[in-house]
Amino acid sequence: MDYVSALVPPTVMAIAFTFLIRTLIRSQGGANKAKEDAAVDAALSGGQPPARRPGGAERPA
């Protein structure tokens, strides 16, 4: 039975890692993809990301 106790932790970790990667891949894109892309572009260019107001409304340009 020692072999079972030696194989369980790596198996559990492999399954958890698979679900983590699956979740990361499935959460890409969606309705907020344009906002996320704009925020990343602004951060990379040194600008400020669009300010968020308390109700979700964005400031007019």
PDB file of N, CA and C in Angstrom:
ATOM      1  N   MET A   1       0.807  -1.201   0.000  1.00  0.00           N
ATOM      2  CA  MET A   1       0.000   0.000   0.000  1.00  0.00           C
ATOM      3  C   MET A   1       0.851   1.266   0.000  1.00  0.00           C
ATOM      4  N   ASP A   2       2.143   1.122   0.184  1.00  0.00           N
ATOM      5  CA  ASP A   2       3.007   2.299   0.148  1.00  0.00           C
ATOM      6  C   ASP A   2       3.014   2.951  -1.227  1.00  0.00           C
ATOM      7  N   TYR A   3       2.891   2.129  -2.261  1.00  0.00           N
ATOM      8  CA  TYR A   3       2.896   2.693  -3.614  1.00  0.00           C
ATOM      9  C   TYR A   3       1.666   3.550  -3.859  1.00  0.00           C
ATOM     10  N   VAL A   4       0.552   3.209  -3.257  1.00  0.00           N
ATOM     11  CA  VAL A   4      -0.662   4.021  -3.422  1.00  0.00           C
ATOM     12  C   VAL A   4      -0.471   5.374  -2.741  1.00  0.00           C
ATOM     13  N   SER A   5       0.054   5.377  -1.542  1.00  0.00           N
ATOM     14  CA  SER A   5       0.255   6.644  -0.840  1.00  0.00           C
ATOM     15  C   SER A   5       1.339   7.480  -1.506  1.00  0.00           C
ATOM     16  N   ALA A   6       2.240   6.854  -2.238  1.00  0.00           N
ATOM     17  CA  ALA A   6       3.268   7.600  -2.965  1.00  0.00           C
ATOM     18  C   ALA A   6       2.717   8.192  -4.261  1.00  0.00           C
ATOM     19  N   LEU A   7       1.701   7.588  -4.853  1.00  0.00           N
ATOM     20  CA  LEU A   7       1.158   8.054  -6.129  1.00  0.00           C
ATOM     21  C   LEU A   7       0.002   9.041  -5.982  1.00  0.00           C
ATOM     22  N   VAL A   8      -0.657   9.056  -4.838  1.00  0.00           N
ATOM     23  CA  VAL A   8      -1.830   9.916  -4.670  1.00  0.00           C
ATOM     24  C   VAL A   8      -1.474  11.412  -4.743  1.00  0.00           C
ATOM     25  N   PRO A   9      -0.497  11.923  -4.011  1.00  0.00           N
ATOM     26  CA  PRO A   9      -0.226  13.370  -4.084  1.00  0.00           C
ATOM     27  C   PRO A   9       0.119  13.865  -5.491  1.00  0.00           C
ATOM     28  N   PRO A  10       1.011  13.193  -6.254  1.00  0.00           N
ATOM     29  CA  PRO A  10       1.269  13.694  -7.612  1.00  0.00           C
ATOM     30  C   PRO A  10       0.045  13.626  -8.515  1.00  0.00           C
ATOM     31  N   THR A  11      -0.774  12.630  -8.328  1.00  0.00           N
ATOM     32  CA  THR A  11      -1.982  12.498  -9.144  1.00  0.00           C
ATOM     33  C   THR A  11      -2.955  13.631  -8.830  1.00  0.00           C
ATOM     34  N   VAL A  12      -3.146  13.925  -7.563  1.00  0.00           N
ATOM     35  CA  VAL A  12      -4.043  15.019  -7.159  1.00  0.00           C
ATOM     36  C   VAL A  12      -3.513  16.347  -7.680  1.00  0.00           C
ATOM     37  N   MET A  13      -2.208  16.561  -7.584  1.00  0.00           N
ATOM     38  CA  MET A  13      -1.622  17.816  -8.067  1.00  0.00           C
ATOM     39  C   MET A  13      -1.763  17.932  -9.586  1.00  0.00           C
ATOM     40  N   ALA A  14      -1.599  16.838 -10.311  1.00  0.00           N
ATOM     41  CA  ALA A  14      -1.747  16.872 -11.768  1.00  0.00           C
ATOM     42  C   ALA A  14      -3.182  17.212 -12.153  1.00  0.00           C
ATOM     43  N   ILE A  15      -4.140  16.651 -11.447  1.00  0.00           N
ATOM     44  CA  ILE A  15      -5.549  16.943 -11.733  1.00  0.00           C
ATOM     45  C   ILE A  15      -5.859  18.407 -11.412  1.00  0.00           C
ATOM     46  N   ALA A  16      -5.367  18.903 -10.283  1.00  0.00           N
ATOM     47  CA  ALA A  16      -5.602  20.297  -9.908  1.00  0.00           C
ATOM     48  C   ALA A  16      -4.955  21.243 -10.918  1.00  0.00           C
ATOM     49  N   PHE A  17      -3.751  20.931 -11.363  1.00  0.00           N
ATOM     50  CA  PHE A  17      -3.064  21.765 -12.341  1.00  0.00           C
ATOM     51  C   PHE A  17      -3.831  21.781 -13.662  1.00  0.00           C
ATOM     52  N   THR A  18      -4.351  20.642 -14.060  1.00  0.00           N
ATOM     53  CA  THR A  18      -5.139  20.559 -15.295  1.00  0.00           C
ATOM     54  C   THR A  18      -6.371  21.458 -15.204  1.00  0.00           C
ATOM     55  N   PHE A  19      -7.066  21.425 -14.080  1.00  0.00           N
ATOM     56  CA  PHE A  19      -8.250  22.271 -13.913  1.00  0.00           C
ATOM     57  C   PHE A  19      -7.877  23.748 -13.854  1.00  0.00           C
ATOM     58  N   LEU A  20      -6.729  24.066 -13.254  1.00  0.00           N
ATOM     59  CA  LEU A  20      -6.273  25.455 -13.212  1.00  0.00           C
ATOM     60  C   LEU A  20      -6.006  25.984 -14.619  1.00  0.00           C
ATOM     61  N   ILE A  21      -5.287  25.235 -15.418  1.00  0.00           N
ATOM     62  CA  ILE A  21      -4.993  25.644 -16.788  1.00  0.00           C
ATOM     63  C   ILE A  21      -6.280  25.749 -17.596  1.00  0.00           C
ATOM     64  N   ARG A  22      -7.184  24.819 -17.408  1.00  0.00           N
ATOM     65  CA  ARG A  22      -8.468  24.837 -18.115  1.00  0.00           C
ATOM     66  C   ARG A  22      -9.257  26.096 -17.754  1.00  0.00           C
ATOM     67  N   THR A  23      -9.268  26.463 -16.483  1.00  0.00           N
ATOM     68  CA  THR A  23      -9.969  27.664 -16.039  1.00  0.00           C
ATOM     69  C   THR A  23      -9.345  28.923 -16.626  1.00  0.00           C
ATOM     70  N   LEU A  24      -8.015  28.977 -16.634  1.00  0.00           N
ATOM     71  CA  LEU A  24      -7.338  30.144 -17.203  1.00  0.00           C
ATOM     72  C   LEU A  24      -7.652  30.301 -18.685  1.00  0.00           C
ATOM     73  N   ILE A  25      -7.657  29.219 -19.409  1.00  0.00           N
ATOM     74  CA  ILE A  25      -7.929  29.284 -20.847  1.00  0.00           C
ATOM     75  C   ILE A  25      -9.375  29.662 -21.117  1.00  0.00           C
ATOM     76  N   ARG A  26     -10.294  29.100 -20.344  1.00  0.00           N
ATOM     77  CA  ARG A  26     -11.714  29.383 -20.579  1.00  0.00           C
ATOM     78  C   ARG A  26     -12.106  30.793 -20.165  1.00  0.00           C
ATOM     79  N   SER A  27     -11.349  31.412 -19.264  1.00  0.00           N
ATOM     80  CA  SER A  27     -11.725  32.753 -18.813  1.00  0.00           C
ATOM     81  C   SER A  27     -11.175  33.843 -19.723  1.00  0.00           C
ATOM     82  N   GLN A  28     -10.444  33.494 -20.748  1.00  0.00           N
ATOM     83  CA  GLN A  28      -9.913  34.491 -21.673  1.00  0.00           C
ATOM     84  C   GLN A  28     -11.019  34.953 -22.616  1.00  0.00           C
ATOM     85  N   GLY A  29     -10.998  36.203 -22.969  1.00  0.00           N
ATOM     86  CA  GLY A  29     -11.998  36.730 -23.894  1.00  0.00           C
ATOM     87  C   GLY A  29     -13.282  37.076 -23.178  1.00  0.00           C
ATOM     88  N   GLY A  30     -14.377  36.958 -23.870  1.00  0.00           N
ATOM     89  CA  GLY A  30     -15.659  37.262 -23.262  1.00  0.00           C
ATOM     90  C   GLY A  30     -16.068  38.699 -23.472  1.00  0.00           C
ATOM     91  N   ALA A  31     -17.014  39.133 -22.672  1.00  0.00           N
ATOM     92  CA  ALA A  31     -17.608  40.457 -22.826  1.00  0.00           C
ATOM     93  C   ALA A  31     -16.636  41.583 -22.495  1.00  0.00           C
ATOM     94  N   ASN A  32     -15.704  41.343 -21.591  1.00  0.00           N
ATOM     95  CA  ASN A  32     -14.800  42.410 -21.161  1.00  0.00           C
ATOM     96  C   ASN A  32     -13.450  42.382 -21.874  1.00  0.00           C
ATOM     97  N   LYS A  33     -13.340  41.613 -22.940  1.00  0.00           N
ATOM     98  CA  LYS A  33     -12.058  41.482 -23.624  1.00  0.00           C
ATOM     99  C   LYS A  33     -11.531  42.827 -24.125  1.00  0.00           C
ATOM    100  N   ALA A  34     -12.381  43.661 -24.699  1.00  0.00           N
ATOM    101  CA  ALA A  34     -11.939  44.954 -25.226  1.00  0.00           C
ATOM    102  C   ALA A  34     -11.429  45.853 -24.105  1.00  0.00           C
ATOM    103  N   LYS A  35     -12.127  45.867 -22.957  1.00  0.00           N
ATOM    104  CA  LYS A  35     -11.690  46.682 -21.820  1.00  0.00           C
ATOM    105  C   LYS A  35     -10.343  46.201 -21.295  1.00  0.00           C
ATOM    106  N   GLU A  36     -10.206  44.881 -21.175  1.00  0.00           N
ATOM    107  CA  GLU A  36      -8.958  44.327 -20.667  1.00  0.00           C
ATOM    108  C   GLU A  36      -7.807  44.642 -21.619  1.00  0.00           C
ATOM    109  N   ASP A  37      -8.048  44.494 -22.918  1.00  0.00           N
ATOM    110  CA  ASP A  37      -7.013  44.791 -23.907  1.00  0.00           C
ATOM    111  C   ASP A  37      -6.626  46.269 -23.868  1.00  0.00           C
ATOM    112  N   ALA A  38      -7.603  47.156 -23.702  1.00  0.00           N
ATOM    113  CA  ALA A  38      -7.316  48.588 -23.647  1.00  0.00           C
ATOM    114  C   ALA A  38      -6.505  48.923 -22.399  1.00  0.00           C
ATOM    115  N   ALA A  39      -6.830  48.287 -21.276  1.00  0.00           N
ATOM    116  CA  ALA A  39      -6.093  48.551 -20.041  1.00  0.00           C
ATOM    117  C   ALA A  39      -4.653  48.068 -20.157  1.00  0.00           C
ATOM    118  N   VAL A  40      -4.445  46.916 -20.773  1.00  0.00           N
ATOM    119  CA  VAL A  40      -3.091  46.397 -20.957  1.00  0.00           C
ATOM    120  C   VAL A  40      -2.304  47.278 -21.912  1.00  0.00           C
ATOM    121  N   ASP A  41      -2.928  47.696 -23.001  1.00  0.00           N
ATOM    122  CA  ASP A  41      -2.249  48.581 -23.953  1.00  0.00           C
ATOM    123  C   ASP A  41      -1.850  49.901 -23.284  1.00  0.00           C
ATOM    124  N   ALA A  42      -2.744  50.454 -22.462  1.00  0.00           N
ATOM    125  CA  ALA A  42      -2.441  51.706 -21.778  1.00  0.00           C
ATOM    126  C   ALA A  42      -1.298  51.518 -20.778  1.00  0.00           C
ATOM    127  N   ALA A  43      -1.299  50.393 -20.085  1.00  0.00           N
ATOM    128  CA  ALA A  43      -0.241  50.133 -19.108  1.00  0.00           C
ATOM    129  C   ALA A  43       1.105  49.952 -19.796  1.00  0.00           C
ATOM    130  N   LEU A  44       1.112  49.282 -20.921  1.00  0.00           N
ATOM    131  CA  LEU A  44       2.366  49.058 -21.641  1.00  0.00           C
ATOM    132  C   LEU A  44       2.888  50.338 -22.279  1.00  0.00           C
ATOM    133  N   SER A  45       1.985  51.237 -22.652  1.00  0.00           N
ATOM    134  CA  SER A  45       2.420  52.485 -23.279  1.00  0.00           C
ATOM    135  C   SER A  45       2.753  53.558 -22.242  1.00  0.00           C
ATOM    136  N   GLY A  46       2.520  53.270 -20.969  1.00  0.00           N
ATOM    137  CA  GLY A  46       2.832  54.228 -19.915  1.00  0.00           C
ATOM    138  C   GLY A  46       1.679  55.142 -19.586  1.00  0.00           C
ATOM    139  N   GLY A  47       0.554  55.009 -20.257  1.00  0.00           N
ATOM    140  CA  GLY A  47      -0.616  55.846 -19.986  1.00  0.00           C
ATOM    141  C   GLY A  47      -1.424  55.292 -18.832  1.00  0.00           C
ATOM    142  N   GLN A  48      -2.442  56.028 -18.495  1.00  0.00           N
ATOM    143  CA  GLN A  48      -3.331  55.601 -17.433  1.00  0.00           C
ATOM    144  C   GLN A  48      -4.485  54.799 -18.025  1.00  0.00           C
ATOM    145  N   PRO A  49      -4.906  53.716 -17.368  1.00  0.00           N
ATOM    146  CA  PRO A  49      -6.086  53.002 -17.846  1.00  0.00           C
ATOM    147  C   PRO A  49      -7.325  53.854 -17.624  1.00  0.00           C
ATOM    148  N   PRO A  50      -8.400  53.590 -18.356  1.00  0.00           N
ATOM    149  CA  PRO A  50      -9.612  54.394 -18.182  1.00  0.00           C
ATOM    150  C   PRO A  50     -10.092  54.342 -16.736  1.00  0.00           C
ATOM    151  N   ALA A  51     -10.432  55.505 -16.190  1.00  0.00           N
ATOM    152  CA  ALA A  51     -10.879  55.573 -14.801  1.00  0.00           C
ATOM    153  C   ALA A  51     -12.248  54.929 -14.672  1.00  0.00           C
ATOM    154  N   ARG A  52     -12.446  54.226 -13.571  1.00  0.00           N
ATOM    155  CA  ARG A  52     -13.734  53.588 -13.332  1.00  0.00           C
ATOM    156  C   ARG A  52     -14.498  54.413 -12.320  1.00  0.00           C
ATOM    157  N   ARG A  53     -15.750  54.594 -12.594  1.00  0.00           N
ATOM    158  CA  ARG A  53     -16.594  55.362 -11.681  1.00  0.00           C
ATOM    159  C   ARG A  53     -17.429  54.392 -10.871  1.00  0.00           C
ATOM    160  N   PRO A  54     -17.923  54.806  -9.713  1.00  0.00           N
ATOM    161  CA  PRO A  54     -18.696  53.894  -8.874  1.00  0.00           C
ATOM    162  C   PRO A  54     -19.989  53.437  -9.518  1.00  0.00           C
ATOM    163  N   GLY A  55     -20.466  52.959 -10.252  1.00  0.00           N
ATOM    164  CA  GLY A  55     -21.660  52.495 -10.872  1.00  0.00           C
ATOM    165  C   GLY A  55     -21.322  51.780 -12.150  1.00  0.00           C
ATOM    166  N   GLY A  56     -20.053  51.729 -12.494  1.00  0.00           N
ATOM    167  CA  GLY A  56     -19.651  51.050 -13.700  1.00  0.00           C
ATOM    168  C   GLY A  56     -19.609  51.938 -14.914  1.00  0.00           C
ATOM    169  N   ALA A  57     -20.121  53.193 -14.778  1.00  0.00           N
ATOM    170  CA  ALA A  57     -20.122  54.101 -15.939  1.00  0.00           C
ATOM    171  C   ALA A  57     -18.726  54.677 -16.144  1.00  0.00           C
ATOM    172  N   GLU A  58     -18.315  54.752 -17.378  1.00  0.00           N
ATOM    173  CA  GLU A  58     -17.003  55.291 -17.680  1.00  0.00           C
ATOM    174  C   GLU A  58     -17.107  56.780 -17.985  1.00  0.00           C
ATOM    175  N   ARG A  59     -16.019  57.481 -17.755  1.00  0.00           N
ATOM    176  CA  ARG A  59     -15.969  58.911 -18.038  1.00  0.00           C
ATOM    177  C   ARG A  59     -16.004  59.152 -19.533  1.00  0.00           C
ATOM    178  N   PRO A  60     -16.776  60.141 -19.998  1.00  0.00           N
ATOM    179  CA  PRO A  60     -16.774  60.420 -21.433  1.00  0.00           C
ATOM    180  C   PRO A  60     -15.406  60.967 -21.872  1.00  0.00           C
ATOM    181  N   ALA A  61     -15.042  60.646 -23.089  1.00  0.00           N
ATOM    182  CA  ALA A  61     -13.710  61.055 -23.581  1.00  0.00           C
ATOM    183  C   ALA A  61     -13.654  62.509 -23.943  1.00  0.00           C
TER     184      ALA A  61
END
